[in-house]
């Protein structure tokens, strides 16, 4: 996969989300992390401790901002003041890209502090395409949108999720942040084959991959970013790398945040999976099809953890 095919965005390797409990360790120990991702909204202040710590991290690491409050599909106009503050942050961070989510987050002046699913309709495609172009043009930087996990579907939808996000990415000429865990969560909740999702998106537009744990409650899964990545998600990641080639990969862990050593173990597993897949070595076949529902009481046997709210960024759940 050439740099041109990857929209001019480099492969940064394997990174982790930078979270407050790890600031001291990162600044003191300088762990061998390829890059960090930060929640954009946590650093849109002028000065203060957040920007101080960010400046210190930038002395040694590449940092990529990831937003949670753009609400690109919402009924309200884009928040120009938010975009101006974000552009000032980008001038300091100088990332190779930035990202947000395929979602909406409120209406009528109310913000629900969550990433709400979009109806997969032609009208929604037109709206998001126009706004994604506008955001990318205004910020003057490669912009990517992430597939979110979802727990309901709309009767009005006329596209699959993968067809919906693919058309937007192609027409708006933006990147995709492919959250492999979210693909698995939504496949489990809605009853589709997650491999079909992975195989149908435009792989040359995938500029970053997310991996995370989740909470299996038996009848459905909640995307809590809690616990280790489970084996079926690793299987999906292998297939993703087969199709995309070398892409920046990030481990997210936002609830019951463990020691940094635990995070590093997850990054090394991701690196090993990535390197083996890219080497062309034969891979074991994995089961395909719709993920089966499993009693949540067996969570420990399968590596699942029951959890609660995710890390909060300015009151918004970061997913």
Protein backbone atom coordinates (compact mmCIF):
# COMPACT_ATOMS: atom_id res chain seq x y z
CA UNK A 1 0.00 0.00 0.00
CA UNK A 2 1.65 3.22 -1.15
CA UNK A 3 1.61 6.54 0.66
CA UNK A 4 -0.51 7.91 -2.15
CA UNK A 5 -3.05 5.12 -1.77
CA UNK A 6 -3.10 5.79 1.97
CA UNK A 7 -4.14 9.43 1.33
CA UNK A 8 -0.66 10.66 2.15
CA UNK A 9 -0.99 9.58 5.80
CA UNK A 10 1.95 7.69 7.35
CA UNK A 11 1.83 4.46 9.31
CA UNK A 12 2.79 5.51 12.85
CA UNK A 13 2.92 1.96 14.19
CA UNK A 14 1.05 0.86 17.34
CA UNK A 15 -0.05 3.39 19.95
CA UNK A 16 -2.35 3.89 22.93
CA UNK A 17 -4.85 6.44 24.11
CA UNK A 18 -3.20 8.94 26.47
CA UNK A 19 -5.16 9.09 29.73
CA UNK A 20 -4.68 11.11 32.92
CA UNK A 21 -3.66 8.19 35.19
CA UNK A 22 -0.66 7.53 32.93
CA UNK A 23 0.68 11.09 32.53
CA UNK A 24 3.27 10.70 35.27
CA UNK A 25 4.51 7.32 34.03
CA UNK A 26 4.76 8.48 30.40
CA UNK A 27 6.66 11.66 31.24
CA UNK A 28 8.94 9.97 33.76
CA UNK A 29 9.67 6.63 32.06
CA UNK A 30 9.37 7.56 28.36
CA UNK A 31 7.91 4.15 27.37
CA UNK A 32 8.50 2.82 23.85
CA UNK A 33 5.13 3.83 22.40
CA UNK A 34 4.92 4.65 18.69
CA UNK A 35 2.28 7.36 19.12
CA UNK A 36 -0.49 8.59 21.41
CA UNK A 37 -4.06 9.53 20.65
CA UNK A 38 -5.73 12.24 22.75
CA UNK A 39 -9.36 13.29 23.11
CA UNK A 40 -9.43 16.65 21.32
CA UNK A 41 -11.95 18.26 23.64
CA UNK A 42 -9.73 17.73 26.68
CA UNK A 43 -7.15 20.12 25.22
CA UNK A 44 -9.23 22.93 23.72
CA UNK A 45 -8.46 25.16 26.68
CA UNK A 46 -5.89 27.96 26.47
CA UNK A 47 -3.04 27.02 28.79
CA UNK A 48 -3.45 25.24 32.13
CA UNK A 49 -2.43 21.73 33.12
CA UNK A 50 -3.95 19.93 30.12
CA UNK A 51 -1.92 21.95 27.62
CA UNK A 52 1.17 21.78 29.85
CA UNK A 53 1.10 17.98 29.88
CA UNK A 54 0.34 17.84 26.17
CA UNK A 55 3.34 20.05 25.40
CA UNK A 56 5.57 17.76 27.46
CA UNK A 57 4.33 14.66 25.65
CA UNK A 58 4.83 16.34 22.27
CA UNK A 59 8.51 16.76 23.07
CA UNK A 60 8.97 12.99 22.67
CA UNK A 61 5.96 11.52 20.82
CA UNK A 62 3.68 11.88 17.83
CA UNK A 63 0.15 12.73 18.95
CA UNK A 64 -3.12 12.37 17.01
CA UNK A 65 -6.31 14.18 18.19
CA UNK A 66 -9.58 12.25 18.25
CA UNK A 67 -12.81 14.21 18.73
CA UNK A 68 -16.07 13.19 20.40
CA UNK A 69 -18.37 16.20 20.03
CA UNK A 70 -18.42 17.32 16.39
CA UNK A 71 -21.79 15.61 15.82
CA UNK A 72 -21.32 15.74 12.07
CA UNK A 73 -24.74 14.27 11.23
CA UNK A 74 -26.76 16.40 13.65
CA UNK A 75 -29.52 18.86 12.68
CA UNK A 76 -27.66 21.90 14.03
CA UNK A 77 -25.09 23.82 11.94
CA UNK A 78 -21.45 22.97 12.52
CA UNK A 79 -20.05 24.78 15.55
CA UNK A 80 -17.66 27.30 14.03
CA UNK A 81 -16.16 28.31 17.36
CA UNK A 82 -15.39 24.67 18.12
CA UNK A 83 -13.69 24.28 14.75
CA UNK A 84 -11.60 27.42 15.31
CA UNK A 85 -10.40 26.16 18.69
CA UNK A 86 -9.68 22.76 17.16
CA UNK A 87 -7.62 24.35 14.39
CA UNK A 88 -5.53 26.22 16.98
CA UNK A 89 -4.88 22.91 18.75
CA UNK A 90 -3.81 21.30 15.47
CA UNK A 91 -1.32 24.11 14.90
CA UNK A 92 0.38 23.08 18.15
CA UNK A 93 0.14 19.31 17.81
CA UNK A 94 0.94 19.14 14.05
CA UNK A 95 -0.62 15.68 13.59
CA UNK A 96 -0.70 13.84 10.25
CA UNK A 97 -4.52 13.54 10.54
CA UNK A 98 -7.36 13.99 13.01
CA UNK A 99 -10.62 12.15 13.51
CA UNK A 100 -14.15 12.18 14.90
CA UNK A 101 -17.19 9.91 14.56
CA UNK A 102 -20.06 9.03 12.24
CA UNK A 103 -22.75 10.20 14.66
CA UNK A 104 -24.95 12.98 15.95
CA UNK A 105 -25.06 14.14 19.57
CA UNK A 106 -28.03 16.44 20.13
CA UNK A 107 -30.68 18.77 18.76
CA UNK A 108 -32.50 21.94 19.73
CA UNK A 109 -29.56 23.18 21.77
CA UNK A 110 -29.45 20.02 23.91
CA UNK A 111 -26.33 17.84 23.94
CA UNK A 112 -26.81 14.26 25.13
CA UNK A 113 -23.09 13.50 25.61
CA UNK A 114 -23.14 10.34 23.53
CA UNK A 115 -22.43 9.19 19.98
CA UNK A 116 -25.89 8.53 18.55
CA UNK A 117 -26.34 6.31 15.46
CA UNK A 118 -27.27 7.82 12.11
CA UNK A 119 -30.10 6.51 9.90
CA UNK A 120 -28.41 5.02 6.86
CA UNK A 121 -30.29 7.00 4.22
CA UNK A 122 -29.43 8.96 1.08
CA UNK A 123 -30.40 12.19 2.82
CA UNK A 124 -27.97 11.49 5.67
CA UNK A 125 -25.21 10.68 3.18
CA UNK A 126 -25.66 14.03 1.44
CA UNK A 127 -25.57 15.87 4.77
CA UNK A 128 -22.44 14.15 6.10
CA UNK A 129 -20.58 14.36 2.77
CA UNK A 130 -21.09 18.12 2.61
CA UNK A 131 -20.04 18.64 6.22
CA UNK A 132 -17.04 16.31 6.08
CA UNK A 133 -15.71 18.22 3.08
CA UNK A 134 -16.29 21.47 4.92
CA UNK A 135 -14.45 20.29 8.04
CA UNK A 136 -11.48 18.93 6.11
CA UNK A 137 -11.20 22.08 4.00
CA UNK A 138 -11.44 24.40 7.02
CA UNK A 139 -8.91 22.47 9.13
CA UNK A 140 -6.55 22.01 6.17
CA UNK A 141 -5.66 18.52 7.35
CA UNK A 142 -6.65 14.99 6.45
CA UNK A 143 -9.90 14.25 8.30
CA UNK A 144 -11.19 10.77 9.17
CA UNK A 145 -14.48 9.53 10.59
CA UNK A 146 -14.88 6.46 12.80
CA UNK A 147 -17.62 3.83 12.69
CA UNK A 148 -19.38 3.79 16.05
CA UNK A 149 -20.93 0.90 17.97
CA UNK A 150 -24.74 0.89 18.00
CA UNK A 151 -27.59 -0.65 19.93
CA UNK A 152 -30.59 0.23 17.75
CA UNK A 153 -31.38 0.52 14.06
CA UNK A 154 -33.75 2.75 12.08
CA UNK A 155 -36.63 1.48 9.97
CA UNK A 156 -35.84 4.31 7.54
CA UNK A 157 -32.35 2.96 6.79
CA UNK A 158 -31.84 1.83 3.20
CA UNK A 159 -28.07 1.13 3.31
CA UNK A 160 -25.91 -1.23 5.28
CA UNK A 161 -23.55 0.58 7.64
CA UNK A 162 -20.50 -0.35 5.56
CA UNK A 163 -22.09 0.88 2.33
CA UNK A 164 -23.14 4.09 4.08
CA UNK A 165 -19.71 5.01 5.45
CA UNK A 166 -17.97 3.89 2.26
CA UNK A 167 -20.00 6.20 0.05
CA UNK A 168 -19.39 9.13 2.39
CA UNK A 169 -15.65 8.50 2.54
CA UNK A 170 -15.36 8.25 -1.24
CA UNK A 171 -17.51 11.26 -2.08
CA UNK A 172 -16.10 13.53 0.64
CA UNK A 173 -12.53 12.31 -0.03
CA UNK A 174 -11.87 11.67 3.66
CA UNK A 175 -10.20 8.87 5.59
CA UNK A 176 -11.77 6.12 7.66
CA UNK A 177 -10.86 5.33 11.24
CA UNK A 178 -11.89 1.68 11.31
CA UNK A 179 -12.79 0.61 14.84
CA UNK A 180 -12.60 -3.17 14.63
CA UNK A 181 -14.07 -3.66 18.10
CA UNK A 182 -17.06 -1.49 17.14
CA UNK A 183 -17.59 -3.63 14.06
CA UNK A 184 -17.74 -6.72 16.27
CA UNK A 185 -20.02 -5.07 18.85
CA UNK A 186 -22.51 -3.90 16.21
CA UNK A 187 -22.38 -7.25 14.40
CA UNK A 188 -23.23 -9.03 17.66
CA UNK A 189 -26.02 -6.58 18.51
CA UNK A 190 -27.60 -6.46 15.03
CA UNK A 191 -26.88 -9.94 13.70
CA UNK A 192 -24.57 -9.46 10.72
CA UNK A 193 -21.23 -10.97 9.71
CA UNK A 194 -18.45 -8.61 10.89
CA UNK A 195 -16.10 -9.94 8.21
CA UNK A 196 -18.48 -8.67 5.52
CA UNK A 197 -18.20 -5.18 7.02
CA UNK A 198 -14.40 -5.37 7.10
CA UNK A 199 -14.19 -6.66 3.54
CA UNK A 200 -16.58 -4.15 1.95
CA UNK A 201 -15.14 -0.80 3.09
CA UNK A 202 -12.57 1.02 0.88
CA UNK A 203 -9.33 -0.27 2.39
CA UNK A 204 -7.16 2.40 0.79
CA UNK A 205 -9.05 5.00 2.87
CA UNK A 206 -8.39 3.36 6.26
CA UNK A 207 -5.87 5.67 7.94
CA UNK A 208 -6.15 4.28 11.47
CA UNK A 209 -7.51 1.26 13.34
CA UNK A 210 -8.93 1.10 16.87
CA UNK A 211 -8.88 -1.98 19.11
CA UNK A 212 -10.53 -2.22 22.54
CA UNK A 213 -12.31 -4.40 25.04
CA UNK A 214 -16.06 -4.36 25.64
CA UNK A 215 -18.77 -5.59 28.02
CA UNK A 216 -20.78 -8.66 27.04
CA UNK A 217 -24.18 -8.80 28.76
CA UNK A 218 -25.38 -11.91 26.99
CA UNK A 219 -28.18 -10.49 24.84
CA UNK A 220 -26.06 -7.55 23.72
CA UNK A 221 -22.61 -6.00 24.02
CA UNK A 222 -21.78 -2.51 25.28
CA UNK A 223 -18.69 -0.77 23.89
CA UNK A 224 -17.13 0.16 27.22
CA UNK A 225 -13.41 0.11 26.31
CA UNK A 226 -12.91 -2.04 29.36
CA UNK A 227 -10.71 -5.12 29.54
CA UNK A 228 -8.47 -6.78 27.00
CA UNK A 229 -9.23 -7.27 23.34
CA UNK A 230 -11.03 -10.61 22.89
CA UNK A 231 -9.97 -13.31 20.44
CA UNK A 232 -12.75 -12.75 17.85
CA UNK A 233 -11.72 -9.09 17.61
CA UNK A 234 -8.08 -10.11 17.11
CA UNK A 235 -9.30 -12.38 14.29
CA UNK A 236 -11.07 -9.42 12.69
CA UNK A 237 -7.93 -7.31 13.10
CA UNK A 238 -5.85 -9.94 11.28
CA UNK A 239 -8.28 -9.88 8.37
CA UNK A 240 -8.28 -6.08 8.38
CA UNK A 241 -4.49 -5.91 8.12
CA UNK A 242 -4.55 -8.50 5.33
CA UNK A 243 -6.77 -6.13 3.36
CA UNK A 244 -5.42 -2.71 4.31
CA UNK A 245 -1.73 -3.38 4.70
CA UNK A 246 0.27 -1.51 7.32
CA UNK A 247 -2.01 0.98 9.16
CA UNK A 248 -1.55 2.90 12.42
CA UNK A 249 -3.23 0.88 15.17
CA UNK A 250 -4.37 2.13 18.57
CA UNK A 251 -5.34 0.36 21.80
CA UNK A 252 -8.18 2.10 23.69
CA UNK A 253 -8.83 1.44 27.40
CA UNK A 254 -11.11 3.94 29.14
CA UNK A 255 -12.82 2.20 32.06
CA UNK A 256 -11.04 0.59 35.03
CA UNK A 257 -7.82 1.83 33.45
CA UNK A 258 -5.00 -0.59 34.32
CA UNK A 259 -1.30 0.03 34.86
CA UNK A 260 0.65 1.17 31.82
CA UNK A 261 2.42 -2.20 31.69
CA UNK A 262 -0.93 -3.87 30.95
CA UNK A 263 -1.54 -1.42 28.10
CA UNK A 264 1.94 -2.07 26.75
CA UNK A 265 1.23 -5.81 26.72
CA UNK A 266 -1.83 -5.15 24.55
CA UNK A 267 0.21 -3.00 22.16
CA UNK A 268 2.84 -5.71 21.85
CA UNK A 269 0.16 -8.26 21.06
CA UNK A 270 -1.21 -5.93 18.38
CA UNK A 271 2.28 -5.46 16.98
CA UNK A 272 2.87 -9.22 16.88
CA UNK A 273 -0.44 -9.85 15.11
CA UNK A 274 0.23 -7.04 12.67
CA UNK A 275 3.80 -8.11 11.91
CA UNK A 276 2.87 -11.76 11.40
CA UNK A 277 0.00 -10.84 9.09
CA UNK A 278 2.16 -8.46 7.04
CA UNK A 279 4.90 -11.09 6.77
CA UNK A 280 2.66 -13.25 4.61
CA UNK A 281 3.03 -16.24 6.95
CA UNK A 282 0.13 -18.74 6.72
CA UNK A 283 -2.69 -17.85 9.11
CA UNK A 284 -5.05 -20.23 10.85
CA UNK A 285 -8.60 -20.14 9.42
CA UNK A 286 -11.11 -18.46 11.72
CA UNK A 287 -14.87 -18.97 12.02
CA UNK A 288 -17.03 -16.48 10.13
CA UNK A 289 -20.67 -15.51 10.35
CA UNK A 290 -22.86 -13.71 12.85
CA UNK A 291 -21.35 -13.64 16.38
CA UNK A 292 -23.39 -15.88 18.69
CA UNK A 293 -25.07 -14.63 21.84
CA UNK A 294 -23.43 -15.95 24.99
CA UNK A 295 -24.58 -15.88 28.58
CA UNK A 296 -22.73 -13.02 30.31
CA UNK A 297 -22.04 -15.33 33.25
CA UNK A 298 -19.30 -16.93 31.12
CA UNK A 299 -17.54 -13.60 30.61
CA UNK A 300 -14.33 -14.58 32.40
CA UNK A 301 -13.94 -17.76 30.38
CA UNK A 302 -14.14 -15.70 27.18
CA UNK A 303 -12.18 -12.69 28.38
CA UNK A 304 -15.25 -10.47 28.68
CA UNK A 305 -15.69 -7.98 31.49
CA UNK A 306 -18.85 -6.33 32.74
CA UNK A 307 -18.32 -2.61 32.95
CA UNK A 308 -19.81 0.83 33.22
CA UNK A 309 -19.34 4.31 31.78
CA UNK A 310 -16.42 5.19 29.53
CA UNK A 311 -13.89 7.95 30.04
CA UNK A 312 -15.65 11.31 30.03
CA UNK A 313 -14.29 14.17 27.94
CA UNK A 314 -15.98 17.47 28.82
CA UNK A 315 -19.07 15.45 29.71
CA UNK A 316 -19.07 13.50 26.43
CA UNK A 317 -18.54 9.75 26.35
CA UNK A 318 -15.43 8.97 24.31
CA UNK A 319 -16.08 6.03 22.03
